[in-house]
Each structure stands twice: as structure tokens, then as C-alpha cells.
Amino acid sequence: MPHTFEELAEMIARRDKITYNEAYLLVEECASDMEYAFANGSLDEAEDILRSTLGLELDYLDLFIY
């Protein structure tokens, strides 16, 4: 289980066969979208963003809560 965005990007890059930079941009986009959802009090929307943007389950939600 990754502990940082960098580790998460490495995992996604390997899984999706994309570059690390592409994966990191996806992680940053996801974090930004989730931050907006959290700010609006919508945990359900944040969960949907995690699934749809990165294809990850809720196990990874903790990485985006800060």
C-alpha cells in the first residue's frame, strides 16, 4: 500500500503502463477534485472521484485526507 502520492503514482504507472509523470498528474487531478468534494461535505462524491479517476477502491482514501 502506497504511503505518498509519489508511491501511488509509481503503482498506477506500472498498473496502467503509463509514464510516472502521467500517473502523477492523474493523482494530482484526483486530489484536487477530491479536496473540492471534501470542502463541500460530500464524501460520496470524493469516493466516486477516487474510483473513476484512478480506478482505486476506498482503501486508498486515507492518502487524500490531510
PDB file of N, CA and C in Angstrom:
ATOM      1  N   MET A   1       0.858  -1.184   0.000  1.00  0.00           N
ATOM      2  CA  MET A   1       0.000   0.000   0.000  1.00  0.00           C
ATOM      3  C   MET A   1       0.895   1.234   0.000  1.00  0.00           C
ATOM      4  N   PRO A   2       0.692   2.123  -0.958  1.00  0.00           N
ATOM      5  CA  PRO A   2       1.480   3.348  -1.032  1.00  0.00           C
ATOM      6  C   PRO A   2       1.184   4.273   0.151  1.00  0.00           C
ATOM      7  N   HIS A   3       2.196   5.050   0.539  1.00  0.00           N
ATOM      8  CA  HIS A   3       2.041   5.986   1.648  1.00  0.00           C
ATOM      9  C   HIS A   3       2.135   7.436   1.194  1.00  0.00           C
ATOM     10  N   THR A   4       2.542   7.659  -0.042  1.00  0.00           N
ATOM     11  CA  THR A   4       2.689   9.016  -0.569  1.00  0.00           C
ATOM     12  C   THR A   4       2.098   9.065  -1.978  1.00  0.00           C
ATOM     13  N   PHE A   5       1.883  10.279  -2.451  1.00  0.00           N
ATOM     14  CA  PHE A   5       1.408  10.441  -3.830  1.00  0.00           C
ATOM     15  C   PHE A   5       2.430   9.894  -4.816  1.00  0.00           C
ATOM     16  N   GLU A   6       3.699  10.048  -4.486  1.00  0.00           N
ATOM     17  CA  GLU A   6       4.753   9.557  -5.378  1.00  0.00           C
ATOM     18  C   GLU A   6       4.679   8.039  -5.517  1.00  0.00           C
ATOM     19  N   GLU A   7       4.526   7.362  -4.382  1.00  0.00           N
ATOM     20  CA  GLU A   7       4.411   5.901  -4.416  1.00  0.00           C
ATOM     21  C   GLU A   7       3.138   5.470  -5.147  1.00  0.00           C
ATOM     22  N   LEU A   8       2.071   6.203  -4.940  1.00  0.00           N
ATOM     23  CA  LEU A   8       0.818   5.898  -5.622  1.00  0.00           C
ATOM     24  C   LEU A   8       0.982   6.069  -7.131  1.00  0.00           C
ATOM     25  N   ALA A   9       1.640   7.141  -7.532  1.00  0.00           N
ATOM     26  CA  ALA A   9       1.875   7.373  -8.957  1.00  0.00           C
ATOM     27  C   ALA A   9       2.720   6.259  -9.564  1.00  0.00           C
ATOM     28  N   GLU A  10       3.723   5.792  -8.839  1.00  0.00           N
ATOM     29  CA  GLU A  10       4.543   4.673  -9.326  1.00  0.00           C
ATOM     30  C   GLU A  10       3.685   3.428  -9.534  1.00  0.00           C
ATOM     31  N   MET A  11       2.813   3.154  -8.582  1.00  0.00           N
ATOM     32  CA  MET A  11       1.948   1.978  -8.670  1.00  0.00           C
ATOM     33  C   MET A  11       0.999   2.096  -9.873  1.00  0.00           C
ATOM     34  N   ILE A  12       0.396   3.262 -10.046  1.00  0.00           N
ATOM     35  CA  ILE A  12      -0.536   3.476 -11.148  1.00  0.00           C
ATOM     36  C   ILE A  12       0.189   3.404 -12.489  1.00  0.00           C
ATOM     37  N   ALA A  13       1.395   3.963 -12.549  1.00  0.00           N
ATOM     38  CA  ALA A  13       2.178   3.922 -13.793  1.00  0.00           C
ATOM     39  C   ALA A  13       2.438   2.479 -14.202  1.00  0.00           C
ATOM     40  N   ARG A  14       2.827   1.642 -13.235  1.00  0.00           N
ATOM     41  CA  ARG A  14       3.067   0.225 -13.541  1.00  0.00           C
ATOM     42  C   ARG A  14       1.775  -0.468 -13.950  1.00  0.00           C
ATOM     43  N   ARG A  15       0.719  -0.243 -13.188  1.00  0.00           N
ATOM     44  CA  ARG A  15      -0.564  -0.902 -13.444  1.00  0.00           C
ATOM     45  C   ARG A  15      -1.126  -0.542 -14.810  1.00  0.00           C
ATOM     46  N   ASP A  16      -1.075   0.742 -15.157  1.00  0.00           N
ATOM     47  CA  ASP A  16      -1.698   1.225 -16.386  1.00  0.00           C
ATOM     48  C   ASP A  16      -0.737   1.340 -17.562  1.00  0.00           C
ATOM     49  N   LYS A  17       0.532   0.998 -17.301  1.00  0.00           N
ATOM     50  CA  LYS A  17       1.564   1.078 -18.344  1.00  0.00           C
ATOM     51  C   LYS A  17       1.627   2.478 -18.966  1.00  0.00           C
ATOM     52  N   ILE A  18       1.702   3.480 -18.073  1.00  0.00           N
ATOM     53  CA  ILE A  18       1.878   4.866 -18.479  1.00  0.00           C
ATOM     54  C   ILE A  18       3.121   5.398 -17.786  1.00  0.00           C
ATOM     55  N   THR A  19       3.539   6.589 -18.171  1.00  0.00           N
ATOM     56  CA  THR A  19       4.735   7.150 -17.534  1.00  0.00           C
ATOM     57  C   THR A  19       4.408   7.593 -16.112  1.00  0.00           C
ATOM     58  N   TYR A  20       5.453   7.717 -15.334  1.00  0.00           N
ATOM     59  CA  TYR A  20       5.301   8.202 -13.964  1.00  0.00           C
ATOM     60  C   TYR A  20       4.676   9.602 -13.988  1.00  0.00           C
ATOM     61  N   ASN A  21       5.139  10.464 -14.887  1.00  0.00           N
ATOM     62  CA  ASN A  21       4.608  11.832 -14.946  1.00  0.00           C
ATOM     63  C   ASN A  21       3.119  11.847 -15.262  1.00  0.00           C
ATOM     64  N   GLU A  22       2.684  11.006 -16.178  1.00  0.00           N
ATOM     65  CA  GLU A  22       1.259  10.925 -16.497  1.00  0.00           C
ATOM     66  C   GLU A  22       0.470  10.468 -15.268  1.00  0.00           C
ATOM     67  N   ALA A  23       1.000   9.470 -14.593  1.00  0.00           N
ATOM     68  CA  ALA A  23       0.322   8.953 -13.405  1.00  0.00           C
ATOM     69  C   ALA A  23       0.277   9.998 -12.298  1.00  0.00           C
ATOM     70  N   TYR A  24       1.360  10.722 -12.121  1.00  0.00           N
ATOM     71  CA  TYR A  24       1.401  11.732 -11.064  1.00  0.00           C
ATOM     72  C   TYR A  24       0.401  12.850 -11.359  1.00  0.00           C
ATOM     73  N   LEU A  25       0.274  13.233 -12.618  1.00  0.00           N
ATOM     74  CA  LEU A  25      -0.714  14.250 -12.980  1.00  0.00           C
ATOM     75  C   LEU A  25      -2.133  13.773 -12.675  1.00  0.00           C
ATOM     76  N   LEU A  26      -2.400  12.492 -12.920  1.00  0.00           N
ATOM     77  CA  LEU A  26      -3.710  11.933 -12.578  1.00  0.00           C
ATOM     78  C   LEU A  26      -3.958  11.983 -11.073  1.00  0.00           C
ATOM     79  N   VAL A  27      -2.929  11.658 -10.295  1.00  0.00           N
ATOM     80  CA  VAL A  27      -3.049  11.683  -8.833  1.00  0.00           C
ATOM     81  C   VAL A  27      -3.317  13.109  -8.361  1.00  0.00           C
ATOM     82  N   GLU A  28      -2.592  14.071  -8.912  1.00  0.00           N
ATOM     83  CA  GLU A  28      -2.800  15.472  -8.531  1.00  0.00           C
ATOM     84  C   GLU A  28      -4.206  15.947  -8.904  1.00  0.00           C
ATOM     85  N   GLU A  29      -4.664  15.571 -10.096  1.00  0.00           N
ATOM     86  CA  GLU A  29      -6.011  15.940 -10.527  1.00  0.00           C
ATOM     87  C   GLU A  29      -7.054  15.347  -9.585  1.00  0.00           C
ATOM     88  N   CYS A  30      -6.855  14.100  -9.250  1.00  0.00           N
ATOM     89  CA  CYS A  30      -7.771  13.420  -8.347  1.00  0.00           C
ATOM     90  C   CYS A  30      -7.777  14.109  -6.978  1.00  0.00           C
ATOM     91  N   ALA A  31      -6.604  14.438  -6.463  1.00  0.00           N
ATOM     92  CA  ALA A  31      -6.503  15.092  -5.159  1.00  0.00           C
ATOM     93  C   ALA A  31      -7.223  16.440  -5.171  1.00  0.00           C
ATOM     94  N   SER A  32      -7.064  17.187  -6.234  1.00  0.00           N
ATOM     95  CA  SER A  32      -7.717  18.490  -6.345  1.00  0.00           C
ATOM     96  C   SER A  32      -9.236  18.340  -6.381  1.00  0.00           C
ATOM     97  N   ASP A  33      -9.712  17.415  -7.184  1.00  0.00           N
ATOM     98  CA  ASP A  33     -11.154  17.183  -7.283  1.00  0.00           C
ATOM     99  C   ASP A  33     -11.731  16.678  -5.966  1.00  0.00           C
ATOM    100  N   MET A  34     -10.984  15.814  -5.298  1.00  0.00           N
ATOM    101  CA  MET A  34     -11.453  15.275  -4.020  1.00  0.00           C
ATOM    102  C   MET A  34     -11.442  16.352  -2.940  1.00  0.00           C
ATOM    103  N   GLU A  35     -10.456  17.221  -2.964  1.00  0.00           N
ATOM    104  CA  GLU A  35     -10.394  18.319  -1.994  1.00  0.00           C
ATOM    105  C   GLU A  35     -11.644  19.194  -2.114  1.00  0.00           C
ATOM    106  N   TYR A  36     -12.044  19.472  -3.339  1.00  0.00           N
ATOM    107  CA  TYR A  36     -13.257  20.257  -3.580  1.00  0.00           C
ATOM    108  C   TYR A  36     -14.481  19.515  -3.027  1.00  0.00           C
ATOM    109  N   ALA A  37     -14.562  18.222  -3.266  1.00  0.00           N
ATOM    110  CA  ALA A  37     -15.689  17.434  -2.766  1.00  0.00           C
ATOM    111  C   ALA A  37     -15.707  17.410  -1.240  1.00  0.00           C
ATOM    112  N   PHE A  38     -14.535  17.213  -0.626  1.00  0.00           N
ATOM    113  CA  PHE A  38     -14.453  17.221   0.846  1.00  0.00           C
ATOM    114  C   PHE A  38     -14.908  18.576   1.390  1.00  0.00           C
ATOM    115  N   ALA A  39     -14.452  19.664   0.753  1.00  0.00           N
ATOM    116  CA  ALA A  39     -14.790  21.014   1.211  1.00  0.00           C
ATOM    117  C   ALA A  39     -16.293  21.260   1.153  1.00  0.00           C
ATOM    118  N   ASN A  40     -16.957  20.592   0.227  1.00  0.00           N
ATOM    119  CA  ASN A  40     -18.408  20.723   0.096  1.00  0.00           C
ATOM    120  C   ASN A  40     -19.156  19.674   0.906  1.00  0.00           C
ATOM    121  N   GLY A  41     -18.426  18.908   1.705  1.00  0.00           N
ATOM    122  CA  GLY A  41     -19.052  17.938   2.595  1.00  0.00           C
ATOM    123  C   GLY A  41     -19.573  16.692   1.906  1.00  0.00           C
ATOM    124  N   SER A  42     -19.044  16.382   0.741  1.00  0.00           N
ATOM    125  CA  SER A  42     -19.559  15.230   0.000  1.00  0.00           C
ATOM    126  C   SER A  42     -18.537  14.095  -0.055  1.00  0.00           C
ATOM    127  N   LEU A  43     -18.579  13.249   0.955  1.00  0.00           N
ATOM    128  CA  LEU A  43     -17.695  12.086   0.975  1.00  0.00           C
ATOM    129  C   LEU A  43     -18.044  11.120  -0.153  1.00  0.00           C
ATOM    130  N   ASP A  44     -19.322  10.981  -0.450  1.00  0.00           N
ATOM    131  CA  ASP A  44     -19.740  10.093  -1.544  1.00  0.00           C
ATOM    132  C   ASP A  44     -19.133  10.537  -2.872  1.00  0.00           C
ATOM    133  N   GLU A  45     -19.148  11.842  -3.121  1.00  0.00           N
ATOM    134  CA  GLU A  45     -18.567  12.356  -4.360  1.00  0.00           C
ATOM    135  C   GLU A  45     -17.053  12.111  -4.389  1.00  0.00           C
ATOM    136  N   ALA A  46     -16.400  12.297  -3.251  1.00  0.00           N
ATOM    137  CA  ALA A  46     -14.958  12.051  -3.175  1.00  0.00           C
ATOM    138  C   ALA A  46     -14.651  10.585  -3.481  1.00  0.00           C
ATOM    139  N   GLU A  47     -15.454   9.691  -2.967  1.00  0.00           N
ATOM    140  CA  GLU A  47     -15.274   8.265  -3.233  1.00  0.00           C
ATOM    141  C   GLU A  47     -15.459   7.969  -4.723  1.00  0.00           C
ATOM    142  N   ASP A  48     -16.462   8.569  -5.323  1.00  0.00           N
ATOM    143  CA  ASP A  48     -16.705   8.375  -6.761  1.00  0.00           C
ATOM    144  C   ASP A  48     -15.533   8.888  -7.593  1.00  0.00           C
ATOM    145  N   ILE A  49     -14.968  10.018  -7.192  1.00  0.00           N
ATOM    146  CA  ILE A  49     -13.819  10.591  -7.906  1.00  0.00           C
ATOM    147  C   ILE A  49     -12.635   9.636  -7.828  1.00  0.00           C
ATOM    148  N   LEU A  50     -12.387   9.076  -6.656  1.00  0.00           N
ATOM    149  CA  LEU A  50     -11.280   8.136  -6.485  1.00  0.00           C
ATOM    150  C   LEU A  50     -11.441   6.925  -7.399  1.00  0.00           C
ATOM    151  N   ARG A  51     -12.650   6.418  -7.462  1.00  0.00           N
ATOM    152  CA  ARG A  51     -12.916   5.251  -8.308  1.00  0.00           C
ATOM    153  C   ARG A  51     -12.800   5.574  -9.797  1.00  0.00           C
ATOM    154  N   SER A  52     -13.408   6.690 -10.194  1.00  0.00           N
ATOM    155  CA  SER A  52     -13.469   6.985 -11.621  1.00  0.00           C
ATOM    156  C   SER A  52     -12.158   7.550 -12.172  1.00  0.00           C
ATOM    157  N   THR A  53     -11.465   8.364 -11.405  1.00  0.00           N
ATOM    158  CA  THR A  53     -10.235   8.985 -11.902  1.00  0.00           C
ATOM    159  C   THR A  53      -9.054   8.031 -11.849  1.00  0.00           C
ATOM    160  N   LEU A  54      -8.927   7.302 -10.737  1.00  0.00           N
ATOM    161  CA  LEU A  54      -7.754   6.440 -10.560  1.00  0.00           C
ATOM    162  C   LEU A  54      -8.077   4.953 -10.578  1.00  0.00           C
ATOM    163  N   GLY A  55      -9.343   4.605 -10.564  1.00  0.00           N
ATOM    164  CA  GLY A  55      -9.709   3.194 -10.555  1.00  0.00           C
ATOM    165  C   GLY A  55      -9.314   2.504  -9.270  1.00  0.00           C
ATOM    166  N   LEU A  56      -9.412   3.244  -8.154  1.00  0.00           N
ATOM    167  CA  LEU A  56      -9.000   2.692  -6.858  1.00  0.00           C
ATOM    168  C   LEU A  56     -10.191   2.533  -5.931  1.00  0.00           C
ATOM    169  N   GLU A  57     -10.065   1.591  -5.033  1.00  0.00           N
ATOM    170  CA  GLU A  57     -11.087   1.349  -4.026  1.00  0.00           C
ATOM    171  C   GLU A  57     -10.870   2.284  -2.836  1.00  0.00           C
ATOM    172  N   LEU A  58     -11.786   2.244  -1.906  1.00  0.00           N
ATOM    173  CA  LEU A  58     -11.754   3.153  -0.755  1.00  0.00           C
ATOM    174  C   LEU A  58     -10.562   2.941   0.170  1.00  0.00           C
ATOM    175  N   ASP A  59      -9.857   1.834   0.014  1.00  0.00           N
ATOM    176  CA  ASP A  59      -8.670   1.580   0.831  1.00  0.00           C
ATOM    177  C   ASP A  59      -7.640   2.704   0.684  1.00  0.00           C
ATOM    178  N   TYR A  60      -7.677   3.403  -0.427  1.00  0.00           N
ATOM    179  CA  TYR A  60      -6.689   4.437  -0.729  1.00  0.00           C
ATOM    180  C   TYR A  60      -7.149   5.838  -0.328  1.00  0.00           C
ATOM    181  N   LEU A  61      -8.332   5.946   0.207  1.00  0.00           N
ATOM    182  CA  LEU A  61      -8.903   7.238   0.565  1.00  0.00           C
ATOM    183  C   LEU A  61      -8.040   7.996   1.567  1.00  0.00           C
ATOM    184  N   ASP A  62      -7.427   7.281   2.502  1.00  0.00           N
ATOM    185  CA  ASP A  62      -6.608   7.919   3.534  1.00  0.00           C
ATOM    186  C   ASP A  62      -5.475   8.763   2.955  1.00  0.00           C
ATOM    187  N   LEU A  63      -4.963   8.384   1.798  1.00  0.00           N
ATOM    188  CA  LEU A  63      -3.881   9.162   1.184  1.00  0.00           C
ATOM    189  C   LEU A  63      -4.323  10.573   0.823  1.00  0.00           C
ATOM    190  N   PHE A  64      -5.613  10.764   0.654  1.00  0.00           N
ATOM    191  CA  PHE A  64      -6.128  12.048   0.186  1.00  0.00           C
ATOM    192  C   PHE A  64      -6.750  12.892   1.287  1.00  0.00           C
ATOM    193  N   ILE A  65      -6.725  12.372   2.491  1.00  0.00           N
ATOM    194  CA  ILE A  65      -7.274  13.123   3.628  1.00  0.00           C
ATOM    195  C   ILE A  65      -6.115  13.723   4.392  1.00  0.00           C
ATOM    196  N   TYR A  66      -6.066  15.041   4.378  1.00  0.00           N
ATOM    197  CA  TYR A  66      -4.980  15.743   5.088  1.00  0.00           C
ATOM    198  C   TYR A  66      -5.479  17.013   5.707  1.00  0.00           C
TER     199      TYR A  66
END
